[in-house]
N, C-alpha and C. Protein backbone atom coordinates (compact mmCIF):
# COMPACT_ATOMS: atom_id res chain seq x y z
N MET A 1 68.57 -14.78 2.82
CA MET A 1 69.59 -14.02 2.11
C MET A 1 70.28 -12.75 2.94
N ASN A 2 71.53 -12.56 3.15
CA ASN A 2 72.15 -11.35 3.57
C ASN A 2 71.75 -10.10 3.00
N THR A 3 71.01 -9.23 3.76
CA THR A 3 70.62 -7.97 3.16
C THR A 3 71.66 -6.70 3.60
N VAL A 4 72.09 -6.13 2.87
CA VAL A 4 73.01 -4.79 3.18
C VAL A 4 72.20 -3.58 2.65
N ALA A 5 71.74 -2.96 3.83
CA ALA A 5 71.06 -1.52 3.33
C ALA A 5 72.14 -0.49 3.35
N VAL A 6 72.20 0.25 2.00
CA VAL A 6 73.05 1.49 2.12
C VAL A 6 72.12 2.61 2.12
N ILE A 7 72.35 3.58 3.04
CA ILE A 7 71.43 4.64 3.37
C ILE A 7 71.80 5.74 2.26
N ASP A 8 70.51 5.95 1.74
CA ASP A 8 70.61 7.22 0.66
C ASP A 8 70.02 8.31 1.07
N TYR A 9 70.71 9.27 1.40
CA TYR A 9 70.08 10.55 2.01
C TYR A 9 70.43 11.61 1.03
N GLY A 10 70.64 11.36 -0.25
CA GLY A 10 70.69 12.42 -1.32
C GLY A 10 72.04 12.99 -1.32
N MET A 11 73.39 12.36 -0.70
CA MET A 11 74.49 13.11 -0.78
C MET A 11 75.79 12.03 -1.06
N GLY A 12 76.63 12.41 -2.01
CA GLY A 12 77.58 11.36 -2.44
C GLY A 12 77.44 10.35 -3.52
N ASN A 13 78.48 9.84 -3.87
CA ASN A 13 78.54 8.86 -5.00
C ASN A 13 78.03 7.59 -4.45
N LEU A 14 76.83 7.33 -4.13
CA LEU A 14 76.58 5.91 -3.41
C LEU A 14 76.56 4.75 -4.46
N ARG A 15 76.27 5.08 -5.56
CA ARG A 15 76.51 3.83 -6.60
C ARG A 15 77.53 3.04 -6.48
N SER A 16 78.67 3.83 -6.26
CA SER A 16 79.96 2.99 -6.24
C SER A 16 80.29 2.26 -5.20
N VAL A 17 79.51 2.64 -4.08
CA VAL A 17 79.73 1.98 -2.69
C VAL A 17 78.68 0.54 -2.96
N CYS A 18 77.61 0.76 -3.68
CA CYS A 18 76.68 -0.28 -3.78
C CYS A 18 77.45 -1.54 -4.90
N LYS A 19 78.00 -1.00 -5.91
CA LYS A 19 78.67 -1.72 -6.82
C LYS A 19 79.89 -2.48 -6.28
N ALA A 20 80.73 -1.87 -5.33
CA ALA A 20 81.77 -2.43 -4.65
C ALA A 20 81.24 -3.64 -3.69
N LEU A 21 80.18 -3.33 -3.08
CA LEU A 21 79.60 -4.35 -2.26
C LEU A 21 79.02 -5.68 -3.00
N GLU A 22 78.20 -5.29 -4.10
CA GLU A 22 77.83 -6.38 -4.85
C GLU A 22 78.88 -7.27 -5.58
N HIS A 23 80.04 -6.53 -5.85
CA HIS A 23 81.20 -7.12 -6.32
C HIS A 23 81.72 -8.16 -5.39
N VAL A 24 81.87 -7.82 -4.06
CA VAL A 24 82.40 -8.61 -2.88
C VAL A 24 81.59 -9.74 -2.38
N ALA A 25 80.25 -9.36 -2.50
CA ALA A 25 79.16 -10.22 -2.13
C ALA A 25 78.13 -10.43 -3.16
N PRO A 26 78.38 -11.17 -4.23
CA PRO A 26 77.19 -11.57 -5.15
C PRO A 26 75.96 -12.15 -4.75
N LYS A 27 76.26 -12.76 -3.66
CA LYS A 27 74.91 -13.51 -3.07
C LYS A 27 74.20 -12.73 -1.99
N ALA A 28 74.64 -11.55 -1.74
CA ALA A 28 74.03 -10.68 -0.83
C ALA A 28 73.04 -9.70 -1.49
N ARG A 29 71.97 -9.26 -0.90
CA ARG A 29 71.01 -8.34 -1.62
C ARG A 29 71.61 -6.94 -0.95
N VAL A 30 72.11 -6.19 -1.95
CA VAL A 30 72.65 -4.84 -1.68
C VAL A 30 71.35 -3.83 -1.99
N GLN A 31 71.05 -3.14 -1.03
CA GLN A 31 69.74 -2.16 -1.00
C GLN A 31 70.07 -0.83 -0.87
N LEU A 32 70.19 0.08 -2.02
CA LEU A 32 70.23 1.53 -1.79
C LEU A 32 68.85 2.17 -1.34
N THR A 33 68.56 2.71 -0.14
CA THR A 33 67.42 2.96 0.39
C THR A 33 67.41 4.37 1.10
N SER A 34 66.36 5.02 1.11
CA SER A 34 65.98 5.93 2.12
C SER A 34 64.66 5.88 2.63
N ASN A 35 64.43 4.53 2.87
CA ASN A 35 63.25 4.30 3.61
C ASN A 35 63.72 3.59 5.02
N PRO A 36 63.11 4.32 6.11
CA PRO A 36 63.57 3.68 7.25
C PRO A 36 63.22 2.28 7.80
N ASP A 37 62.19 1.93 7.06
CA ASP A 37 61.57 0.34 7.36
C ASP A 37 62.71 -0.63 6.73
N ASP A 38 63.25 -0.38 5.61
CA ASP A 38 64.32 -0.99 5.14
C ASP A 38 65.55 -1.17 6.05
N LEU A 39 65.88 -0.19 6.68
CA LEU A 39 66.93 -0.22 7.67
C LEU A 39 66.86 -1.13 8.67
N ALA A 40 65.43 -1.28 9.03
CA ALA A 40 65.06 -2.09 10.10
C ALA A 40 65.06 -3.36 9.78
N LYS A 41 64.76 -3.77 8.52
CA LYS A 41 64.63 -5.14 8.23
C LYS A 41 66.03 -5.71 7.68
N ALA A 42 67.07 -4.90 7.45
CA ALA A 42 68.32 -5.19 6.77
C ALA A 42 69.02 -6.04 7.85
N ASP A 43 69.87 -6.92 7.44
CA ASP A 43 71.00 -7.61 8.33
C ASP A 43 71.94 -6.76 8.83
N ARG A 44 72.47 -5.83 7.72
CA ARG A 44 73.70 -4.90 8.21
C ARG A 44 73.48 -3.73 7.28
N VAL A 45 74.08 -2.60 7.89
CA VAL A 45 73.82 -1.24 7.31
C VAL A 45 75.15 -0.47 6.90
N VAL A 46 75.19 0.09 5.87
CA VAL A 46 76.44 1.07 5.43
C VAL A 46 75.86 2.38 5.41
N PHE A 47 76.66 3.31 6.11
CA PHE A 47 76.40 4.79 6.16
C PHE A 47 77.40 5.44 5.43
N PRO A 48 77.27 5.67 4.07
CA PRO A 48 78.34 6.56 3.24
C PRO A 48 78.12 7.88 3.18
N GLY A 49 78.97 8.52 2.43
CA GLY A 49 78.65 10.07 2.25
C GLY A 49 80.11 10.86 2.15
N GLN A 50 79.68 11.83 1.39
CA GLN A 50 80.72 12.78 1.39
C GLN A 50 80.01 14.42 1.11
N GLY A 51 80.69 15.30 1.35
CA GLY A 51 79.97 16.71 1.38
C GLY A 51 80.21 17.30 2.83
N ALA A 52 79.02 18.16 2.99
CA ALA A 52 79.06 18.91 4.26
C ALA A 52 78.18 18.08 5.39
N ILE A 53 78.60 18.08 6.58
CA ILE A 53 78.08 17.25 7.62
C ILE A 53 76.66 18.12 8.09
N GLY A 54 76.48 19.43 7.76
CA GLY A 54 75.33 19.90 8.14
C GLY A 54 74.07 19.40 7.16
N GLY A 55 74.53 19.51 5.80
CA GLY A 55 73.53 19.03 4.95
C GLY A 55 73.20 17.48 5.24
N CYS A 56 74.11 16.67 5.64
CA CYS A 56 74.00 15.35 5.94
C CYS A 56 72.84 15.10 7.01
N VAL A 57 72.98 15.69 8.11
CA VAL A 57 72.15 15.68 9.16
C VAL A 57 70.93 16.08 8.97
N ARG A 58 70.77 17.17 8.20
CA ARG A 58 69.42 17.93 7.80
C ARG A 58 68.63 16.57 6.73
N ALA A 59 69.63 16.08 5.99
CA ALA A 59 69.02 15.04 4.90
C ALA A 59 68.41 14.07 5.73
N LEU A 60 69.22 13.46 6.74
CA LEU A 60 68.63 12.38 7.58
C LEU A 60 67.07 12.61 8.14
N ASP A 61 67.35 13.89 8.85
CA ASP A 61 66.01 14.12 9.32
C ASP A 61 64.91 14.63 8.48
N SER A 62 65.07 14.94 7.14
CA SER A 62 64.02 15.13 6.33
C SER A 62 63.41 13.86 5.83
N HIS A 63 64.38 12.96 5.75
CA HIS A 63 63.95 11.54 5.18
C HIS A 63 63.30 10.57 6.35
N GLY A 64 63.41 11.18 7.55
CA GLY A 64 62.94 10.48 8.86
C GLY A 64 63.85 9.39 9.09
N LEU A 65 65.14 9.40 8.72
CA LEU A 65 66.02 8.18 8.89
C LEU A 65 66.70 8.23 10.30
N ARG A 66 66.69 9.36 11.01
CA ARG A 66 67.64 9.32 12.31
C ARG A 66 67.13 8.27 13.06
N PRO A 67 66.00 7.96 13.59
CA PRO A 67 65.63 6.95 14.54
C PRO A 67 65.97 5.64 14.18
N ALA A 68 65.84 5.23 12.89
CA ALA A 68 66.11 4.22 12.21
C ALA A 68 67.56 3.85 12.21
N LEU A 69 68.34 4.87 12.04
CA LEU A 69 69.75 4.83 11.91
C LEU A 69 70.43 4.51 13.34
N LEU A 70 69.82 5.27 14.29
CA LEU A 70 70.31 5.10 15.89
C LEU A 70 70.08 3.73 16.24
N ARG A 71 68.81 3.18 15.78
CA ARG A 71 68.56 1.83 16.13
C ARG A 71 69.50 0.80 15.39
N ALA A 72 69.81 0.93 14.43
CA ALA A 72 70.66 0.15 13.63
C ALA A 72 72.12 0.28 14.42
N LEU A 73 72.58 1.32 14.76
CA LEU A 73 73.70 1.53 15.30
C LEU A 73 74.04 0.75 16.78
N GLU A 74 72.78 0.54 17.23
CA GLU A 74 72.57 -0.30 18.62
C GLU A 74 72.72 -1.79 18.26
N THR A 75 72.22 -2.23 17.24
CA THR A 75 72.09 -3.82 17.08
C THR A 75 72.76 -4.40 15.78
N LYS A 76 72.85 -3.69 14.67
CA LYS A 76 73.26 -4.36 13.55
C LYS A 76 74.73 -4.24 13.16
N PRO A 77 75.54 -4.98 12.59
CA PRO A 77 76.84 -4.74 11.92
C PRO A 77 76.79 -3.47 11.17
N PHE A 78 77.66 -2.47 11.44
CA PHE A 78 77.53 -1.25 10.67
C PHE A 78 78.77 -0.69 10.32
N LEU A 79 78.64 -0.23 8.96
CA LEU A 79 79.84 0.27 8.47
C LEU A 79 79.62 1.77 8.00
N GLY A 80 80.50 2.69 8.71
CA GLY A 80 80.40 4.28 8.39
C GLY A 80 81.51 4.65 7.19
N ILE A 81 81.26 5.24 6.32
CA ILE A 81 82.42 5.67 5.45
C ILE A 81 82.45 7.19 5.36
N CYS A 82 83.56 7.87 5.42
CA CYS A 82 83.88 9.31 5.25
C CYS A 82 82.88 9.95 6.12
N LEU A 83 82.10 10.62 5.59
CA LEU A 83 81.19 11.45 6.32
C LEU A 83 80.31 10.60 7.30
N GLY A 84 80.19 9.24 6.96
CA GLY A 84 79.57 8.25 7.81
C GLY A 84 80.17 8.01 9.07
N LEU A 85 81.53 8.27 9.02
CA LEU A 85 82.29 8.21 10.21
C LEU A 85 82.27 9.65 10.79
N GLN A 86 82.29 10.64 10.42
CA GLN A 86 82.36 11.84 11.10
C GLN A 86 80.99 12.35 11.92
N ALA A 87 80.04 11.86 10.99
CA ALA A 87 78.64 12.20 11.65
C ALA A 87 78.24 11.52 13.24
N LEU A 88 79.16 10.40 13.41
CA LEU A 88 78.95 9.60 14.49
C LEU A 88 79.53 10.18 15.76
N PHE A 89 80.21 11.31 15.46
CA PHE A 89 80.76 11.95 16.79
C PHE A 89 79.87 13.10 17.56
N ASP A 90 80.36 13.67 18.40
CA ASP A 90 79.59 14.72 19.00
C ASP A 90 79.42 15.84 18.36
N PHE A 91 80.43 16.40 17.68
CA PHE A 91 80.42 18.08 17.06
C PHE A 91 81.46 18.15 16.01
N SER A 92 81.02 18.76 15.03
CA SER A 92 81.81 19.19 14.03
C SER A 92 82.03 20.55 13.83
N GLU A 93 83.16 21.03 13.50
CA GLU A 93 83.40 22.53 13.60
C GLU A 93 82.64 23.02 12.06
N GLU A 94 82.44 22.00 11.26
CA GLU A 94 82.10 22.66 9.71
C GLU A 94 80.69 23.36 9.91
N GLY A 95 80.68 24.52 9.07
CA GLY A 95 79.41 25.32 9.13
C GLY A 95 79.42 26.22 10.31
N GLY A 96 80.33 26.38 11.02
CA GLY A 96 80.12 27.29 12.19
C GLY A 96 79.87 26.50 13.27
N GLY A 97 79.84 25.09 13.16
CA GLY A 97 79.58 24.15 14.34
C GLY A 97 78.22 23.41 14.09
N THR A 98 78.31 22.15 14.03
CA THR A 98 77.19 21.18 13.73
C THR A 98 77.14 19.93 14.71
N PRO A 99 76.16 19.84 15.43
CA PRO A 99 76.13 18.72 16.24
C PRO A 99 76.00 17.52 15.42
N GLY A 100 76.86 16.31 15.98
CA GLY A 100 76.58 15.16 15.29
C GLY A 100 75.57 14.32 15.99
N LEU A 101 75.77 12.97 15.64
CA LEU A 101 74.81 11.93 16.25
C LEU A 101 75.00 11.49 17.49
N ALA A 102 76.41 11.87 18.05
CA ALA A 102 76.88 11.61 19.59
C ALA A 102 76.88 10.14 19.80
N VAL A 103 77.14 9.29 18.88
CA VAL A 103 77.19 7.95 19.14
C VAL A 103 78.63 7.68 19.83
N LEU A 104 79.66 8.40 19.20
CA LEU A 104 80.99 8.20 19.75
C LEU A 104 81.52 9.51 20.22
N PRO A 105 82.27 9.52 21.21
CA PRO A 105 82.69 10.71 21.75
C PRO A 105 83.92 11.18 20.98
N GLY A 106 83.83 12.56 20.82
CA GLY A 106 84.82 13.22 20.11
C GLY A 106 84.25 14.31 19.26
N ARG A 107 85.44 15.08 18.61
CA ARG A 107 84.81 16.14 17.64
C ARG A 107 85.60 15.94 16.32
N VAL A 108 85.12 16.78 15.31
CA VAL A 108 85.77 16.97 14.15
C VAL A 108 85.95 18.33 13.61
N PRO A 109 87.30 18.74 13.91
CA PRO A 109 87.71 19.90 13.54
C PRO A 109 88.28 19.95 12.04
N LEU A 110 88.65 21.44 11.50
CA LEU A 110 89.26 21.56 10.33
C LEU A 110 90.57 21.24 10.53
N PHE A 111 91.28 20.56 9.44
CA PHE A 111 92.90 20.46 9.48
C PHE A 111 93.42 21.98 9.62
N PRO A 112 94.24 22.07 10.68
CA PRO A 112 94.79 23.44 11.11
C PRO A 112 95.81 23.88 10.04
N PRO A 113 95.69 25.02 9.61
CA PRO A 113 96.59 25.42 8.63
C PRO A 113 98.12 25.49 9.15
N ALA A 114 98.29 26.02 10.30
CA ALA A 114 99.64 26.01 10.91
C ALA A 114 100.30 24.73 10.95
N GLN A 115 99.74 23.54 11.04
CA GLN A 115 100.26 22.15 11.07
C GLN A 115 100.39 21.41 9.83
N MET A 116 99.92 22.22 8.73
CA MET A 116 99.93 21.46 7.51
C MET A 116 101.21 21.40 6.64
N HIS A 117 102.12 20.76 7.28
CA HIS A 117 103.41 20.60 6.88
C HIS A 117 103.80 18.97 6.93
N ASP A 118 104.41 18.52 5.77
CA ASP A 118 104.95 17.05 6.01
C ASP A 118 106.11 17.07 6.81
N ARG A 119 106.07 16.07 7.79
CA ARG A 119 106.83 16.07 9.13
C ARG A 119 108.29 15.60 8.43
N ALA A 120 108.38 14.90 7.39
CA ALA A 120 109.76 14.33 6.88
C ALA A 120 110.43 15.42 6.01
N THR A 121 109.61 16.05 5.10
CA THR A 121 110.07 16.89 4.04
C THR A 121 109.91 18.47 4.32
N GLY A 122 109.01 18.77 5.33
CA GLY A 122 108.66 20.14 5.65
C GLY A 122 107.58 20.89 4.51
N LEU A 123 107.51 20.18 3.49
CA LEU A 123 106.58 20.55 2.24
C LEU A 123 105.30 20.80 2.77
N ARG A 124 104.68 22.20 2.20
CA ARG A 124 103.13 22.42 2.61
C ARG A 124 102.32 21.47 2.30
N LEU A 125 101.30 21.05 3.04
CA LEU A 125 100.12 20.04 2.71
C LEU A 125 98.99 20.62 2.33
N LYS A 126 98.28 20.00 1.31
CA LYS A 126 97.03 20.79 0.77
C LYS A 126 95.91 20.31 1.51
N VAL A 127 94.95 21.06 1.71
CA VAL A 127 93.69 20.74 2.03
C VAL A 127 92.42 21.11 1.16
N PRO A 128 91.74 20.18 0.82
CA PRO A 128 91.48 19.05 1.51
C PRO A 128 92.55 17.86 1.36
N HIS A 129 92.63 17.04 2.27
CA HIS A 129 93.48 15.93 2.30
C HIS A 129 93.09 14.92 1.21
N MET A 130 93.66 14.95 0.02
CA MET A 130 92.88 14.06 -1.10
C MET A 130 94.14 13.21 -1.56
N GLY A 131 93.78 11.84 -1.65
CA GLY A 131 94.65 10.90 -2.38
C GLY A 131 94.95 9.73 -1.37
N TRP A 132 96.02 9.02 -1.71
CA TRP A 132 96.44 7.85 -0.95
C TRP A 132 97.30 8.03 0.20
N ASN A 133 96.99 7.43 1.26
CA ASN A 133 97.72 7.43 2.49
C ASN A 133 97.80 6.33 3.36
N GLN A 134 98.61 6.00 4.09
CA GLN A 134 98.64 4.79 5.01
C GLN A 134 97.73 4.83 6.26
N VAL A 135 97.19 3.64 6.53
CA VAL A 135 96.52 3.55 7.68
C VAL A 135 97.32 2.66 8.66
N GLN A 136 97.62 3.12 9.81
CA GLN A 136 98.09 2.24 10.85
C GLN A 136 97.09 1.57 11.65
N GLN A 137 97.10 0.42 11.66
CA GLN A 137 96.03 -0.30 12.59
C GLN A 137 96.54 -0.38 13.85
N VAL A 138 95.68 0.12 14.94
CA VAL A 138 96.39 0.32 16.19
C VAL A 138 95.63 -0.84 17.08
N ARG A 139 94.81 -1.57 16.60
CA ARG A 139 94.42 -2.74 17.28
C ARG A 139 93.75 -3.70 16.09
N PRO A 140 93.79 -5.11 16.70
CA PRO A 140 93.12 -6.11 15.86
C PRO A 140 91.77 -5.79 15.64
N HIS A 141 91.17 -6.21 14.58
CA HIS A 141 89.69 -6.12 14.25
C HIS A 141 89.36 -7.28 13.03
N ALA A 142 88.27 -7.84 12.94
CA ALA A 142 87.65 -8.56 12.00
C ALA A 142 87.94 -8.03 10.63
N LEU A 143 87.62 -6.71 10.46
CA LEU A 143 87.68 -5.90 9.37
C LEU A 143 88.91 -5.43 8.78
N TRP A 144 89.95 -5.92 9.52
CA TRP A 144 91.50 -5.71 9.35
C TRP A 144 91.96 -7.22 8.68
N GLU A 145 91.25 -8.19 8.61
CA GLU A 145 91.65 -9.38 8.48
C GLU A 145 92.41 -9.61 6.91
N ASP A 146 93.39 -9.86 6.68
CA ASP A 146 94.11 -9.98 5.43
C ASP A 146 94.48 -8.63 4.80
N ILE A 147 94.46 -7.63 5.63
CA ILE A 147 94.84 -6.24 5.23
C ILE A 147 96.16 -6.04 6.00
N PRO A 148 97.18 -5.68 5.24
CA PRO A 148 98.60 -5.63 5.86
C PRO A 148 98.54 -4.29 6.58
N GLN A 149 99.44 -4.33 7.57
CA GLN A 149 99.64 -2.95 8.42
C GLN A 149 100.14 -1.93 7.39
N ASP A 150 99.85 -0.64 7.75
CA ASP A 150 100.33 0.51 6.83
C ASP A 150 99.83 0.25 5.41
N THR A 151 98.77 -0.39 5.16
CA THR A 151 98.07 -0.29 3.77
C THR A 151 97.70 1.04 3.61
N ARG A 152 97.68 1.34 2.30
CA ARG A 152 97.14 2.73 1.57
C ARG A 152 95.79 2.81 1.21
N PHE A 153 95.10 3.67 1.51
CA PHE A 153 93.61 3.72 1.24
C PHE A 153 93.38 5.25 0.65
N TYR A 154 92.34 5.43 0.12
CA TYR A 154 92.00 6.62 -0.73
C TYR A 154 91.08 7.63 0.34
N PHE A 155 91.59 8.83 0.42
CA PHE A 155 90.92 9.67 1.38
C PHE A 155 90.53 11.11 0.54
N VAL A 156 89.57 11.63 0.84
CA VAL A 156 89.14 12.90 0.34
C VAL A 156 88.42 13.75 1.54
N HIS A 157 88.97 14.44 2.18
CA HIS A 157 88.21 15.34 3.46
C HIS A 157 89.28 16.47 3.72
N SER A 158 88.29 17.47 4.44
CA SER A 158 89.11 18.78 4.87
C SER A 158 88.92 18.76 6.29
N TYR A 159 88.09 17.96 6.96
CA TYR A 159 87.85 17.67 8.39
C TYR A 159 88.25 16.54 8.94
N TYR A 160 88.70 16.26 10.19
CA TYR A 160 89.27 15.03 10.63
C TYR A 160 88.67 14.74 12.15
N VAL A 161 88.71 13.43 12.25
CA VAL A 161 88.17 13.13 13.55
C VAL A 161 89.21 13.09 14.59
N ASP A 162 88.97 13.71 15.73
CA ASP A 162 89.69 13.85 17.06
C ASP A 162 88.89 13.05 18.08
N SER A 163 89.15 11.84 18.38
CA SER A 163 88.50 10.80 18.91
C SER A 163 88.59 11.19 20.54
N GLY A 164 87.36 11.11 21.30
CA GLY A 164 87.44 11.42 22.80
C GLY A 164 87.74 10.15 23.48
N ASP A 165 87.96 8.98 23.01
CA ASP A 165 88.05 7.84 23.67
C ASP A 165 89.16 7.00 22.84
N ARG A 166 90.43 6.75 23.15
CA ARG A 166 91.31 6.21 22.54
C ARG A 166 91.03 4.74 22.29
N ARG A 167 90.36 4.05 23.40
CA ARG A 167 89.89 2.64 23.12
C ARG A 167 89.08 2.40 22.10
N GLN A 168 88.45 3.36 21.57
CA GLN A 168 87.53 3.21 20.08
C GLN A 168 88.27 3.48 18.93
N ILE A 169 89.69 3.81 18.95
CA ILE A 169 90.50 4.18 17.79
C ILE A 169 90.91 2.62 17.28
N ALA A 170 90.61 2.51 15.96
CA ALA A 170 90.97 1.16 15.18
C ALA A 170 92.08 1.42 14.26
N GLY A 171 92.34 2.77 13.84
CA GLY A 171 93.16 3.01 12.71
C GLY A 171 93.56 4.55 12.89
N VAL A 172 94.95 4.93 12.61
CA VAL A 172 95.26 6.19 12.69
C VAL A 172 96.00 6.53 11.44
N THR A 173 96.12 7.65 10.86
CA THR A 173 96.74 8.24 9.62
C THR A 173 97.37 9.46 10.13
N GLU A 174 98.70 9.89 9.31
CA GLU A 174 99.42 11.04 9.44
C GLU A 174 99.03 11.83 8.32
N TYR A 175 98.66 13.18 8.51
CA TYR A 175 98.70 14.23 7.68
C TYR A 175 98.76 15.50 8.28
N GLY A 176 100.05 15.90 8.45
CA GLY A 176 100.33 17.22 9.26
C GLY A 176 100.14 16.71 10.80
N LEU A 177 99.19 15.96 10.99
CA LEU A 177 99.01 15.52 12.42
C LEU A 177 98.54 14.01 12.26
N ARG A 178 98.45 13.67 13.47
CA ARG A 178 97.76 12.14 13.75
C ARG A 178 96.39 12.14 13.80
N PHE A 179 95.41 11.59 12.84
CA PHE A 179 94.19 11.52 13.30
C PHE A 179 93.61 10.18 13.15
N THR A 180 92.37 10.12 13.77
CA THR A 180 91.54 9.01 13.79
C THR A 180 90.96 8.66 12.46
N SER A 181 91.72 7.52 11.57
CA SER A 181 91.00 7.13 10.38
C SER A 181 90.12 5.88 10.30
N ALA A 182 90.11 5.33 11.54
CA ALA A 182 89.11 4.14 11.77
C ALA A 182 88.71 4.17 13.23
N ALA A 183 87.57 4.17 13.61
CA ALA A 183 86.99 3.81 15.04
C ALA A 183 86.09 2.72 14.89
N SER A 184 85.94 2.02 16.16
CA SER A 184 85.17 0.94 16.33
C SER A 184 84.85 0.65 17.71
N ILE A 185 83.48 0.37 18.07
CA ILE A 185 83.03 -0.27 19.11
C ILE A 185 81.94 -1.08 18.92
N ASN A 186 81.91 -2.29 19.61
CA ASN A 186 80.79 -3.21 19.46
C ASN A 186 80.46 -3.60 18.02
N ASN A 187 79.24 -3.28 17.61
CA ASN A 187 78.88 -3.68 16.14
C ASN A 187 79.16 -2.48 15.13
N ILE A 188 79.94 -1.51 15.72
CA ILE A 188 80.21 -0.32 14.71
C ILE A 188 81.56 -0.24 14.35
N PHE A 189 81.84 -0.13 13.01
CA PHE A 189 83.01 0.26 12.34
C PHE A 189 83.04 1.23 11.46
N ALA A 190 83.92 2.20 11.50
CA ALA A 190 83.79 3.31 10.59
C ALA A 190 85.01 3.77 10.18
N VAL A 191 85.29 4.51 8.92
CA VAL A 191 86.45 4.65 8.35
C VAL A 191 86.28 6.16 7.65
N GLN A 192 87.49 6.90 7.75
CA GLN A 192 87.53 8.06 7.12
C GLN A 192 87.65 8.02 5.56
N PHE A 193 88.46 6.94 5.04
CA PHE A 193 88.79 6.57 3.84
C PHE A 193 87.52 6.12 3.07
N HIS A 194 87.84 5.94 1.98
CA HIS A 194 86.84 5.42 0.81
C HIS A 194 87.36 3.96 0.48
N PRO A 195 86.67 2.79 0.93
CA PRO A 195 87.11 1.57 0.64
C PRO A 195 86.77 1.34 -0.73
N GLU A 196 85.56 1.75 -1.26
CA GLU A 196 84.96 1.78 -2.61
C GLU A 196 86.04 2.33 -3.74
N LYS A 197 86.99 3.10 -3.31
CA LYS A 197 87.80 3.82 -4.19
C LYS A 197 89.22 3.28 -3.97
N SER A 198 89.43 2.43 -3.21
CA SER A 198 90.62 2.07 -2.58
C SER A 198 91.20 0.54 -3.12
N GLN A 199 90.72 0.11 -4.23
CA GLN A 199 91.24 -1.10 -5.22
C GLN A 199 91.25 -2.29 -4.12
N LYS A 200 92.18 -3.34 -4.20
CA LYS A 200 92.16 -4.39 -3.62
C LYS A 200 91.89 -4.37 -2.08
N ALA A 201 92.63 -3.57 -1.27
CA ALA A 201 92.50 -3.45 0.16
C ALA A 201 90.93 -2.88 0.37
N GLY A 202 90.45 -2.09 -0.24
CA GLY A 202 89.22 -1.49 0.00
C GLY A 202 88.03 -2.58 -0.10
N LEU A 203 88.25 -3.35 -1.13
CA LEU A 203 87.36 -4.47 -1.33
C LEU A 203 87.29 -5.47 -0.45
N ARG A 204 88.56 -5.81 0.12
CA ARG A 204 88.77 -6.93 1.22
C ARG A 204 88.33 -6.34 2.38
N LEU A 205 88.14 -4.95 2.80
CA LEU A 205 87.60 -4.48 3.80
C LEU A 205 86.03 -4.55 3.83
N LEU A 206 85.46 -4.33 2.54
CA LEU A 206 84.07 -4.53 2.51
C LEU A 206 83.77 -5.98 2.31
N GLU A 207 84.43 -6.78 1.95
CA GLU A 207 84.12 -8.12 2.28
C GLU A 207 84.21 -8.79 3.41
N ASN A 208 85.21 -8.30 4.19
CA ASN A 208 85.18 -8.53 5.60
C ASN A 208 83.93 -8.00 6.40
N PHE A 209 83.44 -6.89 6.03
CA PHE A 209 82.38 -6.37 6.80
C PHE A 209 81.26 -7.22 6.41
N VAL A 210 80.85 -7.79 5.33
CA VAL A 210 79.69 -8.32 4.72
C VAL A 210 79.86 -9.79 5.71
N ASN A 211 81.06 -10.20 5.94
CA ASN A 211 81.13 -11.52 6.71
C ASN A 211 81.10 -11.40 8.17
N TRP A 212 81.07 -10.10 8.61
CA TRP A 212 81.45 -9.92 10.03
C TRP A 212 80.19 -10.03 10.86
N ASP A 213 80.32 -10.74 12.16
CA ASP A 213 79.18 -10.81 12.88
C ASP A 213 78.96 -10.03 13.86
N GLY A 214 79.46 -8.77 13.78
CA GLY A 214 79.29 -7.57 14.43
C GLY A 214 79.95 -7.52 15.95
N LYS A 215 80.80 -8.27 16.06
CA LYS A 215 81.52 -8.39 17.36
C LYS A 215 82.88 -7.70 17.41
N ASP A 216 82.98 -6.59 18.29
CA ASP A 216 84.26 -5.93 18.32
C ASP A 216 85.45 -6.82 18.80
């Protein structure tokens, strides 16, 4: 049986992620867990979350999850969602500066107030970036299968990913500036938006993940 481990580190609405995965993969075993051994045994791993990155990193360490997570990132099909994308990078400005897992090169700055204007209308944009927005797929990937270009997904975030390697960018979004909304390398795919809240397109991305062989 295909086992999908959803990392539970005490932050975010993780049940909605599990329910969405169960919906698209009724034959899979979806396991919400804070046990490192479960990550080691799972066929694929999902790292969701929302909130502060400092709390996220501390919670991973307090549960002893960091080593198991890093091993999973090397070998298993892996999906990061929202904070699960941001935590993969080198450094976040949040909380005065927080080191990430440094799996992907880049940083996570706060949306700059001076640039928070809609380019077409000139209207002021609010932070956090909350609601539906388009994702431009910048290169093909198995997780984009049957998802049209410029599909709208649901976002909630105040910090954004500034990728240090353009080859790892899988999707971009405009919100005052252009930021990385999807990143991918080898067996890793991670998104800033919430597929579990993004209706048909989000469910399709989750279904693609459950069937993905982990090859970029």
